[in-house]
């Protein structure tokens, strides 16, 4: 699993369609690539992919990954092109602090960026307001002050009206992720909080289920 705390960014070197899966080649800092082995999982802008052709000593250091048809259909990765900036995160080791929230790298759908505006223009220390629209079928999993993953970044929902979501972005997040490269209209990978989906499934599975104080205590709440 991942936590949505982006470790670094990378750059797309090539996108190569084949008769089967589409292969992408990614340039990334050596300190990340050197920790990868063929077959390892890596989150690429929020999408869990399998690292292939890992070359930490190449210039620049790089690795590849294949995009299955499901990945192309569900995510923004089919829109990538050489020089696209992507967010990268390696899986969270067992026992590590969970700094963001539980992120699987299983994208639920794509959103559309409406705006990303500085709160105080003209200063490097400003925060930003991110506005996006999400698919209608995902709105039931998004709540104010809840968690949402956007392009692999664990973020906190500041507001939701209909299918429009507002998010506050701190200067560090803007500067150290792909958000700084985005423009209105860009598609965004979205993963909603998986705990909400499990709660919904449990509710659907039992028509007699009632949320009680005893249930919450028994389940560690």
N, C-alpha and C. Protein backbone atom coordinates (compact mmCIF):
# COMPACT_ATOMS: atom_id res chain seq x y z
N UNK A 1 0.84 -1.18 0.00
CA UNK A 1 0.00 0.00 0.00
C UNK A 1 0.88 1.25 0.00
N UNK A 2 0.24 2.39 -0.28
CA UNK A 2 0.92 3.67 -0.29
C UNK A 2 0.21 4.59 0.70
N UNK A 3 0.76 5.78 0.88
CA UNK A 3 0.13 6.73 1.80
C UNK A 3 -0.26 8.04 1.13
N UNK A 4 0.12 8.22 -0.14
CA UNK A 4 -0.19 9.47 -0.81
C UNK A 4 0.78 10.58 -0.48
N UNK A 5 1.89 10.25 0.19
CA UNK A 5 2.95 11.24 0.42
C UNK A 5 3.98 11.07 -0.70
N UNK A 6 3.87 11.92 -1.71
CA UNK A 6 4.72 11.80 -2.89
C UNK A 6 6.18 11.96 -2.50
N UNK A 7 7.01 11.00 -2.95
CA UNK A 7 8.42 11.03 -2.59
C UNK A 7 9.22 11.95 -3.49
N UNK A 8 8.90 11.93 -4.78
CA UNK A 8 9.60 12.76 -5.74
C UNK A 8 8.80 12.78 -7.03
N UNK A 9 9.26 13.55 -7.99
CA UNK A 9 8.63 13.55 -9.31
C UNK A 9 9.59 12.93 -10.32
N UNK A 10 9.02 12.45 -11.40
CA UNK A 10 9.80 11.93 -12.52
C UNK A 10 9.31 12.55 -13.80
N UNK A 11 9.94 12.17 -14.90
CA UNK A 11 9.59 12.71 -16.22
C UNK A 11 9.44 11.57 -17.20
N UNK A 12 8.40 11.63 -18.00
CA UNK A 12 8.19 10.61 -19.02
C UNK A 12 9.23 10.77 -20.13
N UNK A 13 9.93 9.67 -20.42
CA UNK A 13 10.89 9.67 -21.52
C UNK A 13 10.26 9.21 -22.82
N UNK A 14 9.37 8.21 -22.72
CA UNK A 14 8.75 7.66 -23.94
C UNK A 14 7.46 6.95 -23.59
N UNK A 15 6.52 6.97 -24.51
CA UNK A 15 5.28 6.21 -24.43
C UNK A 15 5.22 5.37 -25.70
N UNK A 16 5.26 4.04 -25.55
CA UNK A 16 5.38 3.16 -26.71
C UNK A 16 4.21 2.18 -26.77
N UNK A 17 3.21 2.46 -27.62
CA UNK A 17 2.13 1.48 -27.80
C UNK A 17 2.67 0.22 -28.46
N UNK A 18 2.16 -0.92 -28.02
CA UNK A 18 2.54 -2.20 -28.61
C UNK A 18 1.26 -2.97 -28.95
N UNK A 19 1.44 -4.17 -29.48
CA UNK A 19 0.28 -4.99 -29.80
C UNK A 19 -0.45 -5.41 -28.53
N UNK A 20 0.26 -5.41 -27.41
CA UNK A 20 -0.35 -5.73 -26.13
C UNK A 20 -0.46 -4.48 -25.28
N UNK A 21 0.28 -4.45 -24.18
CA UNK A 21 0.24 -3.31 -23.27
C UNK A 21 1.08 -2.15 -23.83
N UNK A 22 0.71 -0.93 -23.43
CA UNK A 22 1.51 0.24 -23.74
C UNK A 22 2.62 0.37 -22.70
N UNK A 23 3.84 0.61 -23.16
CA UNK A 23 4.97 0.73 -22.24
C UNK A 23 5.36 2.19 -22.08
N UNK A 24 5.58 2.61 -20.83
CA UNK A 24 6.09 3.94 -20.56
C UNK A 24 7.47 3.83 -19.95
N UNK A 25 8.34 4.77 -20.30
CA UNK A 25 9.68 4.84 -19.73
C UNK A 25 9.77 6.13 -18.93
N UNK A 26 10.28 6.04 -17.70
CA UNK A 26 10.27 7.15 -16.76
C UNK A 26 11.67 7.45 -16.27
N UNK A 27 12.09 8.71 -16.36
CA UNK A 27 13.32 9.17 -15.73
C UNK A 27 13.00 9.64 -14.33
N UNK A 28 13.81 9.21 -13.36
CA UNK A 28 13.55 9.53 -11.97
C UNK A 28 14.87 9.68 -11.24
N UNK A 29 14.89 10.36 -10.08
CA UNK A 29 16.14 10.50 -9.32
C UNK A 29 16.75 9.15 -8.97
N UNK A 30 18.08 9.11 -8.95
CA UNK A 30 18.78 7.85 -8.70
C UNK A 30 18.44 7.27 -7.34
N UNK A 31 18.18 8.14 -6.34
CA UNK A 31 17.90 7.61 -5.00
C UNK A 31 16.60 6.82 -4.96
N UNK A 32 15.68 7.08 -5.88
CA UNK A 32 14.47 6.26 -5.95
C UNK A 32 14.70 5.04 -6.83
N UNK A 33 15.25 5.23 -8.02
CA UNK A 33 15.44 4.12 -8.95
C UNK A 33 16.33 3.04 -8.35
N UNK A 34 17.34 3.44 -7.57
CA UNK A 34 18.26 2.46 -6.98
C UNK A 34 17.59 1.57 -5.95
N UNK A 35 16.41 1.96 -5.47
CA UNK A 35 15.67 1.14 -4.51
C UNK A 35 14.65 0.24 -5.19
N UNK A 36 14.56 0.31 -6.51
CA UNK A 36 13.62 -0.52 -7.26
C UNK A 36 14.31 -1.76 -7.81
N UNK A 37 13.56 -2.84 -7.89
CA UNK A 37 13.96 -4.04 -8.61
C UNK A 37 12.84 -4.41 -9.56
N UNK A 38 13.17 -5.13 -10.61
CA UNK A 38 12.15 -5.57 -11.55
C UNK A 38 11.06 -6.35 -10.81
N UNK A 39 9.82 -5.98 -11.03
CA UNK A 39 8.70 -6.63 -10.37
C UNK A 39 8.17 -5.87 -9.17
N UNK A 40 8.90 -4.86 -8.71
CA UNK A 40 8.43 -4.07 -7.57
C UNK A 40 7.25 -3.18 -7.97
N UNK A 41 6.45 -2.84 -6.98
CA UNK A 41 5.35 -1.91 -7.18
C UNK A 41 5.84 -0.48 -7.00
N UNK A 42 5.28 0.43 -7.78
CA UNK A 42 5.58 1.85 -7.66
C UNK A 42 4.33 2.62 -8.07
N UNK A 43 4.00 3.66 -7.32
CA UNK A 43 2.84 4.48 -7.65
C UNK A 43 3.28 5.60 -8.59
N UNK A 44 2.67 5.65 -9.77
CA UNK A 44 2.96 6.66 -10.78
C UNK A 44 1.73 7.54 -10.93
N UNK A 45 1.81 8.75 -10.37
CA UNK A 45 0.66 9.66 -10.34
C UNK A 45 -0.59 8.96 -9.82
N UNK A 46 -0.38 8.16 -8.77
CA UNK A 46 -1.50 7.51 -8.10
C UNK A 46 -1.89 6.16 -8.64
N UNK A 47 -1.19 5.67 -9.66
CA UNK A 47 -1.51 4.38 -10.27
C UNK A 47 -0.43 3.37 -9.88
N UNK A 48 -0.83 2.27 -9.27
CA UNK A 48 0.13 1.24 -8.88
C UNK A 48 0.55 0.46 -10.13
N UNK A 49 1.85 0.54 -10.46
CA UNK A 49 2.40 -0.14 -11.63
C UNK A 49 3.55 -1.04 -11.20
N UNK A 50 3.98 -1.91 -12.10
CA UNK A 50 5.08 -2.83 -11.85
C UNK A 50 6.32 -2.34 -12.57
N UNK A 51 7.40 -2.15 -11.83
CA UNK A 51 8.65 -1.65 -12.40
C UNK A 51 9.31 -2.70 -13.28
N UNK A 52 9.76 -2.26 -14.45
CA UNK A 52 10.47 -3.12 -15.40
C UNK A 52 11.72 -2.39 -15.88
N UNK A 53 12.70 -3.14 -16.39
CA UNK A 53 13.90 -2.53 -16.99
C UNK A 53 14.48 -1.44 -16.10
N UNK A 54 14.72 -1.75 -14.86
CA UNK A 54 15.23 -0.77 -13.90
C UNK A 54 16.71 -0.50 -14.19
N UNK A 55 17.05 0.77 -14.44
CA UNK A 55 18.41 1.15 -14.81
C UNK A 55 18.88 2.33 -13.96
N UNK A 56 19.33 2.06 -12.71
CA UNK A 56 19.76 3.16 -11.84
C UNK A 56 21.04 3.84 -12.31
N UNK A 57 21.86 3.16 -13.14
CA UNK A 57 23.13 3.73 -13.58
C UNK A 57 23.06 4.37 -14.96
N UNK A 58 21.87 4.37 -15.55
CA UNK A 58 21.71 5.02 -16.85
C UNK A 58 21.71 6.54 -16.65
N UNK A 59 21.81 7.27 -17.76
CA UNK A 59 21.73 8.72 -17.68
C UNK A 59 20.60 9.19 -18.60
N UNK A 60 19.50 9.66 -18.02
CA UNK A 60 19.23 9.71 -16.57
C UNK A 60 18.80 8.34 -16.06
N UNK A 61 18.85 8.13 -14.73
CA UNK A 61 18.32 6.88 -14.17
C UNK A 61 16.87 6.70 -14.60
N UNK A 62 16.46 5.44 -14.85
CA UNK A 62 15.13 5.23 -15.43
C UNK A 62 14.58 3.86 -15.09
N UNK A 63 13.30 3.71 -15.31
CA UNK A 63 12.64 2.41 -15.27
C UNK A 63 11.45 2.48 -16.21
N UNK A 64 10.88 1.33 -16.50
CA UNK A 64 9.71 1.25 -17.39
C UNK A 64 8.56 0.59 -16.66
N UNK A 65 7.38 0.68 -17.25
CA UNK A 65 6.19 0.01 -16.73
C UNK A 65 5.22 -0.18 -17.88
N UNK A 66 4.44 -1.25 -17.81
CA UNK A 66 3.44 -1.54 -18.82
C UNK A 66 2.06 -1.10 -18.34
N UNK A 67 1.27 -0.53 -19.25
CA UNK A 67 -0.08 -0.10 -18.95
C UNK A 67 -1.07 -1.08 -19.58
N UNK A 68 -1.82 -1.79 -18.75
CA UNK A 68 -2.84 -2.70 -19.25
C UNK A 68 -4.01 -1.90 -19.81
N UNK A 69 -4.86 -2.56 -20.56
CA UNK A 69 -6.03 -1.88 -21.14
C UNK A 69 -6.90 -1.25 -20.06
N UNK A 70 -7.05 -1.93 -18.92
CA UNK A 70 -7.85 -1.40 -17.81
C UNK A 70 -7.21 -0.12 -17.27
N UNK A 71 -5.89 -0.09 -17.17
CA UNK A 71 -5.20 1.10 -16.68
C UNK A 71 -5.40 2.27 -17.64
N UNK A 72 -5.30 2.01 -18.92
CA UNK A 72 -5.49 3.07 -19.91
C UNK A 72 -6.92 3.60 -19.86
N UNK A 73 -7.89 2.70 -19.67
CA UNK A 73 -9.29 3.11 -19.66
C UNK A 73 -9.66 3.90 -18.41
N UNK A 74 -9.03 3.60 -17.28
CA UNK A 74 -9.44 4.15 -15.99
C UNK A 74 -8.66 5.39 -15.55
N UNK A 75 -7.47 5.60 -16.12
CA UNK A 75 -6.57 6.60 -15.57
C UNK A 75 -6.17 7.65 -16.61
N UNK A 76 -5.36 8.60 -16.14
CA UNK A 76 -4.86 9.65 -17.03
C UNK A 76 -3.58 9.25 -17.74
N UNK A 77 -3.05 8.07 -17.46
CA UNK A 77 -1.73 7.73 -17.98
C UNK A 77 -1.70 7.64 -19.51
N UNK A 78 -2.86 7.42 -20.12
CA UNK A 78 -2.90 7.38 -21.58
C UNK A 78 -2.68 8.77 -22.19
N UNK A 79 -2.78 9.82 -21.36
CA UNK A 79 -2.57 11.19 -21.84
C UNK A 79 -1.12 11.63 -21.71
N UNK A 80 -0.27 10.77 -21.17
CA UNK A 80 1.12 11.15 -20.97
C UNK A 80 1.85 11.29 -22.30
N UNK A 81 2.88 12.11 -22.28
CA UNK A 81 3.74 12.29 -23.45
C UNK A 81 5.13 12.61 -22.94
N UNK A 82 6.17 12.47 -23.78
CA UNK A 82 7.52 12.80 -23.32
C UNK A 82 7.57 14.19 -22.69
N UNK A 83 8.24 14.28 -21.55
CA UNK A 83 8.41 15.47 -20.73
C UNK A 83 7.26 15.71 -19.76
N UNK A 84 6.21 14.88 -19.79
CA UNK A 84 5.17 14.98 -18.77
C UNK A 84 5.79 14.71 -17.40
N UNK A 85 5.39 15.50 -16.41
CA UNK A 85 5.87 15.32 -15.03
C UNK A 85 4.88 14.43 -14.29
N UNK A 86 5.40 13.42 -13.60
CA UNK A 86 4.54 12.50 -12.86
C UNK A 86 5.03 12.38 -11.42
N UNK A 87 4.09 12.06 -10.52
CA UNK A 87 4.41 11.88 -9.10
C UNK A 87 4.80 10.43 -8.85
N UNK A 88 5.78 10.23 -7.97
CA UNK A 88 6.28 8.88 -7.69
C UNK A 88 6.28 8.62 -6.19
N UNK A 89 5.87 7.42 -5.83
CA UNK A 89 5.92 6.98 -4.44
C UNK A 89 6.17 5.48 -4.40
N UNK A 90 7.09 5.06 -3.56
CA UNK A 90 7.31 3.63 -3.33
C UNK A 90 6.39 3.14 -2.23
N UNK A 91 6.10 1.83 -2.18
CA UNK A 91 5.21 1.30 -1.14
C UNK A 91 5.72 1.61 0.26
N UNK A 92 4.80 1.72 1.20
CA UNK A 92 5.13 2.01 2.59
C UNK A 92 5.55 0.72 3.31
N UNK A 93 6.77 0.66 3.86
CA UNK A 93 7.21 -0.56 4.57
C UNK A 93 6.34 -0.80 5.80
N UNK A 94 6.13 -2.05 6.13
CA UNK A 94 5.36 -2.40 7.32
C UNK A 94 6.00 -1.77 8.55
N UNK A 95 5.16 -1.21 9.41
CA UNK A 95 5.64 -0.60 10.63
C UNK A 95 6.01 0.86 10.50
N UNK A 96 5.97 1.40 9.26
CA UNK A 96 6.30 2.81 9.06
C UNK A 96 5.12 3.69 9.48
N UNK A 97 5.39 4.93 9.88
CA UNK A 97 4.30 5.85 10.20
C UNK A 97 3.40 6.08 8.99
N UNK A 98 2.10 6.11 9.21
CA UNK A 98 1.14 6.34 8.14
C UNK A 98 0.86 7.84 8.09
N UNK A 99 1.68 8.56 7.32
CA UNK A 99 1.60 10.01 7.33
C UNK A 99 0.43 10.58 6.56
N UNK A 100 -0.02 9.91 5.50
CA UNK A 100 -1.14 10.40 4.72
C UNK A 100 -2.40 9.63 5.09
N UNK A 101 -2.89 8.79 4.18
CA UNK A 101 -3.98 7.87 4.48
C UNK A 101 -3.78 6.62 3.63
N UNK A 102 -4.61 5.63 3.80
CA UNK A 102 -4.46 4.36 3.08
C UNK A 102 -4.75 4.58 1.59
N UNK A 103 -3.74 4.40 0.76
CA UNK A 103 -3.86 4.58 -0.69
C UNK A 103 -3.44 3.27 -1.34
N UNK A 104 -4.29 2.73 -2.20
CA UNK A 104 -4.00 1.45 -2.83
C UNK A 104 -3.30 1.59 -4.18
N UNK A 105 -3.45 2.75 -4.81
CA UNK A 105 -2.97 2.89 -6.17
C UNK A 105 -3.94 2.31 -7.17
N UNK A 106 -5.19 2.11 -6.74
CA UNK A 106 -6.26 1.60 -7.61
C UNK A 106 -7.20 2.76 -7.93
N UNK A 107 -6.94 3.41 -9.04
CA UNK A 107 -7.67 4.62 -9.40
C UNK A 107 -9.14 4.31 -9.67
N UNK A 108 -10.02 5.12 -9.07
CA UNK A 108 -11.47 4.92 -9.25
C UNK A 108 -12.00 5.60 -10.50
N UNK A 109 -11.34 6.62 -10.96
CA UNK A 109 -11.81 7.36 -12.13
C UNK A 109 -10.99 8.62 -12.30
N UNK A 110 -11.38 9.42 -13.27
CA UNK A 110 -10.65 10.66 -13.52
C UNK A 110 -11.54 11.87 -13.27
N UNK A 111 -10.92 12.91 -12.74
CA UNK A 111 -11.58 14.19 -12.50
C UNK A 111 -11.08 15.18 -13.55
N UNK A 112 -11.65 16.37 -13.53
CA UNK A 112 -11.21 17.44 -14.41
C UNK A 112 -10.81 18.64 -13.58
N UNK A 113 -9.61 19.16 -13.82
CA UNK A 113 -9.13 20.33 -13.09
C UNK A 113 -9.89 21.57 -13.56
N UNK A 114 -10.53 22.27 -12.62
CA UNK A 114 -11.20 23.52 -12.94
C UNK A 114 -10.26 24.70 -12.76
N UNK A 115 -9.53 24.73 -11.64
CA UNK A 115 -8.60 25.83 -11.39
C UNK A 115 -7.64 25.44 -10.28
N UNK A 116 -6.50 26.10 -10.28
CA UNK A 116 -5.51 25.97 -9.22
C UNK A 116 -4.90 27.35 -9.03
N UNK A 117 -5.46 28.11 -8.11
CA UNK A 117 -5.14 29.52 -7.99
C UNK A 117 -4.43 29.84 -6.68
N UNK A 118 -3.42 30.71 -6.72
CA UNK A 118 -2.76 31.13 -5.49
C UNK A 118 -3.69 31.99 -4.63
N UNK A 119 -3.62 31.79 -3.33
CA UNK A 119 -4.42 32.62 -2.43
C UNK A 119 -3.85 34.02 -2.33
N UNK A 120 -2.52 34.12 -2.33
CA UNK A 120 -1.84 35.42 -2.29
C UNK A 120 -0.87 35.48 -3.47
N UNK A 121 -1.32 35.96 -4.63
CA UNK A 121 -0.46 35.99 -5.81
C UNK A 121 0.80 36.84 -5.57
N UNK A 122 1.87 36.44 -6.26
CA UNK A 122 3.09 37.23 -6.21
C UNK A 122 4.05 36.87 -5.11
N UNK A 123 3.79 35.79 -4.36
CA UNK A 123 4.70 35.36 -3.31
C UNK A 123 4.96 33.87 -3.42
N UNK A 124 6.18 33.46 -3.11
CA UNK A 124 6.55 32.04 -3.20
C UNK A 124 5.98 31.22 -2.05
N UNK A 125 5.47 31.88 -1.03
CA UNK A 125 4.99 31.16 0.15
C UNK A 125 3.47 31.08 0.22
N UNK A 126 2.81 31.38 -0.88
CA UNK A 126 1.35 31.33 -0.88
C UNK A 126 0.84 29.90 -0.89
N UNK A 127 -0.33 29.70 -0.32
CA UNK A 127 -1.02 28.44 -0.53
C UNK A 127 -1.95 28.61 -1.73
N UNK A 128 -2.59 27.51 -2.13
CA UNK A 128 -3.38 27.49 -3.35
C UNK A 128 -4.75 26.87 -3.08
N UNK A 129 -5.68 27.17 -3.96
CA UNK A 129 -7.00 26.55 -3.91
C UNK A 129 -7.18 25.73 -5.17
N UNK A 130 -7.33 24.42 -4.99
CA UNK A 130 -7.55 23.50 -6.09
C UNK A 130 -9.04 23.21 -6.21
N UNK A 131 -9.59 23.35 -7.42
CA UNK A 131 -10.99 23.04 -7.67
C UNK A 131 -11.06 22.03 -8.80
N UNK A 132 -11.85 20.99 -8.61
CA UNK A 132 -11.98 19.96 -9.64
C UNK A 132 -13.38 19.37 -9.59
N UNK A 133 -13.77 18.73 -10.68
CA UNK A 133 -15.04 18.02 -10.72
C UNK A 133 -14.74 16.53 -10.79
N UNK A 134 -15.48 15.75 -10.01
CA UNK A 134 -15.29 14.31 -9.98
C UNK A 134 -16.52 13.63 -10.58
N UNK A 135 -16.39 12.39 -11.02
CA UNK A 135 -17.56 11.67 -11.54
C UNK A 135 -18.67 11.59 -10.50
N UNK A 136 -19.91 11.72 -10.95
CA UNK A 136 -21.05 11.72 -10.03
C UNK A 136 -21.08 10.49 -9.14
N UNK A 137 -20.67 9.34 -9.68
CA UNK A 137 -20.78 8.10 -8.90
C UNK A 137 -19.77 8.03 -7.76
N UNK A 138 -18.81 8.94 -7.72
CA UNK A 138 -17.82 8.94 -6.63
C UNK A 138 -18.15 9.94 -5.53
N UNK A 139 -19.13 10.80 -5.75
CA UNK A 139 -19.39 11.87 -4.78
C UNK A 139 -19.82 11.31 -3.42
N UNK A 140 -20.45 10.15 -3.38
CA UNK A 140 -20.93 9.62 -2.10
C UNK A 140 -19.78 9.18 -1.19
N UNK A 141 -18.57 9.05 -1.76
CA UNK A 141 -17.43 8.65 -0.95
C UNK A 141 -16.58 9.85 -0.50
N UNK A 142 -16.98 11.04 -0.87
CA UNK A 142 -16.18 12.23 -0.58
C UNK A 142 -16.92 13.09 0.43
N UNK A 143 -16.25 13.41 1.54
CA UNK A 143 -16.87 14.21 2.59
C UNK A 143 -15.92 15.34 2.98
N UNK A 144 -16.49 16.44 3.44
CA UNK A 144 -15.68 17.55 3.89
C UNK A 144 -14.77 17.11 5.03
N UNK A 145 -13.50 17.48 4.94
CA UNK A 145 -12.44 17.12 5.88
C UNK A 145 -12.02 15.66 5.76
N UNK A 146 -12.57 14.95 4.79
CA UNK A 146 -12.13 13.58 4.54
C UNK A 146 -10.94 13.56 3.60
N UNK A 147 -10.41 12.38 3.35
CA UNK A 147 -9.22 12.22 2.50
C UNK A 147 -9.61 11.84 1.08
N UNK A 148 -8.81 12.32 0.13
CA UNK A 148 -8.97 11.95 -1.27
C UNK A 148 -7.58 11.96 -1.90
N UNK A 149 -7.36 11.07 -2.84
CA UNK A 149 -6.07 11.01 -3.52
C UNK A 149 -6.21 11.60 -4.92
N UNK A 150 -5.42 12.62 -5.21
CA UNK A 150 -5.43 13.29 -6.50
C UNK A 150 -4.04 13.18 -7.11
N UNK A 151 -3.94 12.49 -8.25
CA UNK A 151 -2.64 12.28 -8.90
C UNK A 151 -1.62 11.67 -7.93
N UNK A 152 -2.12 10.81 -7.04
CA UNK A 152 -1.25 10.13 -6.10
C UNK A 152 -0.94 10.90 -4.85
N UNK A 153 -1.54 12.10 -4.68
CA UNK A 153 -1.27 12.95 -3.53
C UNK A 153 -2.41 12.83 -2.53
N UNK A 154 -2.09 12.51 -1.29
CA UNK A 154 -3.09 12.47 -0.22
C UNK A 154 -3.46 13.90 0.15
N UNK A 155 -4.74 14.25 -0.05
CA UNK A 155 -5.21 15.61 0.20
C UNK A 155 -6.46 15.58 1.06
N UNK A 156 -6.76 16.71 1.67
CA UNK A 156 -7.94 16.84 2.53
C UNK A 156 -8.99 17.68 1.83
N UNK A 157 -10.20 17.16 1.79
CA UNK A 157 -11.31 17.87 1.13
C UNK A 157 -11.70 19.07 1.98
N UNK A 158 -11.66 20.25 1.37
CA UNK A 158 -12.08 21.47 2.06
C UNK A 158 -13.56 21.75 1.86
N UNK A 159 -14.08 21.36 0.69
CA UNK A 159 -15.49 21.59 0.41
C UNK A 159 -15.94 20.66 -0.71
N UNK A 160 -17.22 20.34 -0.72
CA UNK A 160 -17.82 19.60 -1.82
C UNK A 160 -19.23 20.10 -2.03
N UNK A 161 -19.51 20.51 -3.27
CA UNK A 161 -20.83 20.97 -3.66
C UNK A 161 -21.21 20.27 -4.95
N UNK A 162 -22.19 19.37 -4.87
CA UNK A 162 -22.48 18.55 -6.03
C UNK A 162 -21.29 17.67 -6.33
N UNK A 163 -20.77 17.80 -7.55
CA UNK A 163 -19.57 17.02 -7.89
C UNK A 163 -18.32 17.90 -7.97
N UNK A 164 -18.41 19.12 -7.44
CA UNK A 164 -17.24 20.01 -7.42
C UNK A 164 -16.56 19.95 -6.05
N UNK A 165 -15.28 19.65 -6.07
CA UNK A 165 -14.50 19.49 -4.84
C UNK A 165 -13.46 20.60 -4.76
N UNK A 166 -13.35 21.21 -3.56
CA UNK A 166 -12.34 22.21 -3.30
C UNK A 166 -11.31 21.67 -2.32
N UNK A 167 -10.04 21.95 -2.57
CA UNK A 167 -8.94 21.43 -1.75
C UNK A 167 -7.92 22.53 -1.54
N UNK A 168 -7.45 22.67 -0.30
CA UNK A 168 -6.38 23.62 0.00
C UNK A 168 -5.04 22.94 -0.22
N UNK A 169 -4.14 23.63 -0.93
CA UNK A 169 -2.82 23.10 -1.26
C UNK A 169 -1.76 23.97 -0.60
N UNK A 170 -0.90 23.37 0.23
CA UNK A 170 0.16 24.13 0.88
C UNK A 170 1.31 24.36 -0.11
N UNK A 171 2.17 25.35 0.14
CA UNK A 171 3.27 25.63 -0.79
C UNK A 171 4.17 24.44 -1.07
N UNK A 172 4.48 23.63 -0.04
CA UNK A 172 5.36 22.47 -0.23
C UNK A 172 4.76 21.49 -1.23
N UNK A 173 3.47 21.20 -1.10
CA UNK A 173 2.82 20.26 -2.02
C UNK A 173 2.83 20.79 -3.44
N UNK A 174 2.56 22.07 -3.60
CA UNK A 174 2.56 22.67 -4.94
C UNK A 174 3.95 22.58 -5.57
N UNK A 175 4.99 22.88 -4.78
CA UNK A 175 6.35 22.95 -5.32
C UNK A 175 6.96 21.58 -5.59
N UNK A 176 6.55 20.55 -4.84
CA UNK A 176 7.24 19.27 -4.90
C UNK A 176 6.47 18.18 -5.63
N UNK A 177 5.36 18.52 -6.26
CA UNK A 177 4.56 17.54 -7.01
C UNK A 177 4.27 18.06 -8.42
N UNK A 178 3.56 17.24 -9.18
CA UNK A 178 3.21 17.62 -10.55
C UNK A 178 2.14 18.70 -10.62
N UNK A 179 1.55 19.08 -9.48
CA UNK A 179 0.48 20.09 -9.51
C UNK A 179 0.94 21.37 -10.18
N UNK A 180 2.21 21.71 -10.01
CA UNK A 180 2.72 22.97 -10.55
C UNK A 180 2.72 22.99 -12.08
N UNK A 181 2.56 21.84 -12.71
CA UNK A 181 2.61 21.76 -14.18
C UNK A 181 1.22 21.70 -14.81
N UNK A 182 0.17 21.66 -13.99
CA UNK A 182 -1.17 21.42 -14.51
C UNK A 182 -1.85 22.71 -14.94
N UNK A 183 -2.79 22.57 -15.88
CA UNK A 183 -3.60 23.70 -16.34
C UNK A 183 -5.06 23.29 -16.34
N UNK A 184 -5.99 24.25 -16.24
CA UNK A 184 -7.41 23.90 -16.26
C UNK A 184 -7.77 23.04 -17.46
N UNK A 185 -8.61 22.05 -17.19
CA UNK A 185 -9.02 21.11 -18.23
C UNK A 185 -8.25 19.81 -18.20
N UNK A 186 -7.09 19.80 -17.51
CA UNK A 186 -6.32 18.56 -17.41
C UNK A 186 -7.10 17.49 -16.65
N UNK A 187 -7.01 16.23 -17.09
CA UNK A 187 -7.61 15.14 -16.32
C UNK A 187 -6.73 14.78 -15.14
N UNK A 188 -7.35 14.29 -14.07
CA UNK A 188 -6.64 13.96 -12.84
C UNK A 188 -7.06 12.58 -12.35
N UNK A 189 -6.10 11.77 -11.92
CA UNK A 189 -6.43 10.48 -11.31
C UNK A 189 -7.01 10.69 -9.92
N UNK A 190 -8.11 10.00 -9.64
CA UNK A 190 -8.79 10.12 -8.36
C UNK A 190 -8.94 8.73 -7.74
N UNK A 191 -8.54 8.63 -6.48
CA UNK A 191 -8.85 7.44 -5.68
C UNK A 191 -9.54 7.91 -4.40
N UNK A 192 -10.76 7.47 -4.20
CA UNK A 192 -11.48 7.85 -2.98
C UNK A 192 -11.03 6.96 -1.83
N UNK A 193 -11.40 7.35 -0.62
CA UNK A 193 -10.99 6.62 0.57
C UNK A 193 -11.61 5.22 0.56
N UNK A 194 -10.75 4.19 0.52
CA UNK A 194 -11.23 2.82 0.42
C UNK A 194 -12.05 2.43 1.65
N UNK A 195 -11.80 3.05 2.81
CA UNK A 195 -12.56 2.70 4.00
C UNK A 195 -14.04 3.03 3.83
N UNK A 196 -14.33 4.09 3.09
CA UNK A 196 -15.72 4.43 2.82
C UNK A 196 -16.40 3.38 1.96
N UNK A 197 -15.66 2.82 1.00
CA UNK A 197 -16.25 1.79 0.14
C UNK A 197 -16.51 0.50 0.91
N UNK A 198 -15.60 0.14 1.81
CA UNK A 198 -15.82 -1.05 2.62
C UNK A 198 -17.01 -0.86 3.56
N UNK A 199 -17.13 0.34 4.11
CA UNK A 199 -18.27 0.61 5.00
C UNK A 199 -19.58 0.49 4.24
N UNK A 200 -19.60 1.00 3.01
CA UNK A 200 -20.81 0.91 2.19
C UNK A 200 -21.15 -0.55 1.89
N UNK A 201 -20.15 -1.34 1.54
CA UNK A 201 -20.38 -2.75 1.23
C UNK A 201 -20.92 -3.50 2.44
N UNK A 202 -20.37 -3.20 3.62
CA UNK A 202 -20.85 -3.86 4.82
C UNK A 202 -22.30 -3.50 5.10
N UNK A 203 -22.64 -2.24 4.88
CA UNK A 203 -24.01 -1.80 5.09
C UNK A 203 -24.96 -2.50 4.13
N UNK A 204 -24.54 -2.63 2.86
CA UNK A 204 -25.37 -3.29 1.86
C UNK A 204 -25.56 -4.77 2.18
N UNK A 205 -24.56 -5.37 2.82
CA UNK A 205 -24.62 -6.81 3.08
C UNK A 205 -25.48 -7.20 4.25
N UNK A 206 -25.92 -6.23 5.03
CA UNK A 206 -26.74 -6.56 6.19
C UNK A 206 -27.87 -5.54 6.33
N UNK A 207 -29.08 -5.95 5.99
CA UNK A 207 -30.22 -5.04 6.09
C UNK A 207 -30.57 -4.75 7.54
N UNK A 208 -30.07 -5.58 8.47
CA UNK A 208 -30.39 -5.41 9.88
C UNK A 208 -29.30 -4.66 10.63
N UNK A 209 -28.23 -4.27 9.91
CA UNK A 209 -27.11 -3.62 10.59
C UNK A 209 -27.51 -2.25 11.12
N UNK A 210 -27.16 -2.00 12.38
CA UNK A 210 -27.39 -0.70 13.01
C UNK A 210 -26.10 -0.25 13.66
N UNK A 211 -25.69 0.97 13.38
CA UNK A 211 -24.47 1.51 13.96
C UNK A 211 -24.75 1.87 15.41
N UNK A 212 -24.09 1.15 16.32
CA UNK A 212 -24.31 1.39 17.74
C UNK A 212 -22.99 1.69 18.43
N UNK A 213 -23.08 2.19 19.66
CA UNK A 213 -21.88 2.46 20.45
C UNK A 213 -21.11 1.17 20.69
N UNK A 214 -21.82 0.07 20.93
CA UNK A 214 -21.16 -1.21 21.18
C UNK A 214 -20.38 -1.68 19.95
N UNK A 215 -20.96 -1.47 18.77
CA UNK A 215 -20.28 -1.86 17.53
C UNK A 215 -18.98 -1.06 17.36
N UNK A 216 -19.05 0.24 17.62
CA UNK A 216 -17.87 1.09 17.44
C UNK A 216 -16.77 0.69 18.41
N UNK A 217 -17.12 0.41 19.67
CA UNK A 217 -16.12 0.00 20.65
C UNK A 217 -15.49 -1.33 20.26
N UNK A 218 -16.32 -2.28 19.83
CA UNK A 218 -15.82 -3.62 19.47
C UNK A 218 -14.89 -3.57 18.27
N UNK A 219 -15.05 -2.57 17.39
CA UNK A 219 -14.26 -2.47 16.19
C UNK A 219 -13.15 -1.42 16.30
N UNK A 220 -12.86 -0.97 17.49
CA UNK A 220 -11.70 -0.14 17.72
C UNK A 220 -11.87 1.33 17.45
N UNK A 221 -13.12 1.80 17.34
CA UNK A 221 -13.33 3.23 17.08
C UNK A 221 -13.32 4.03 18.38
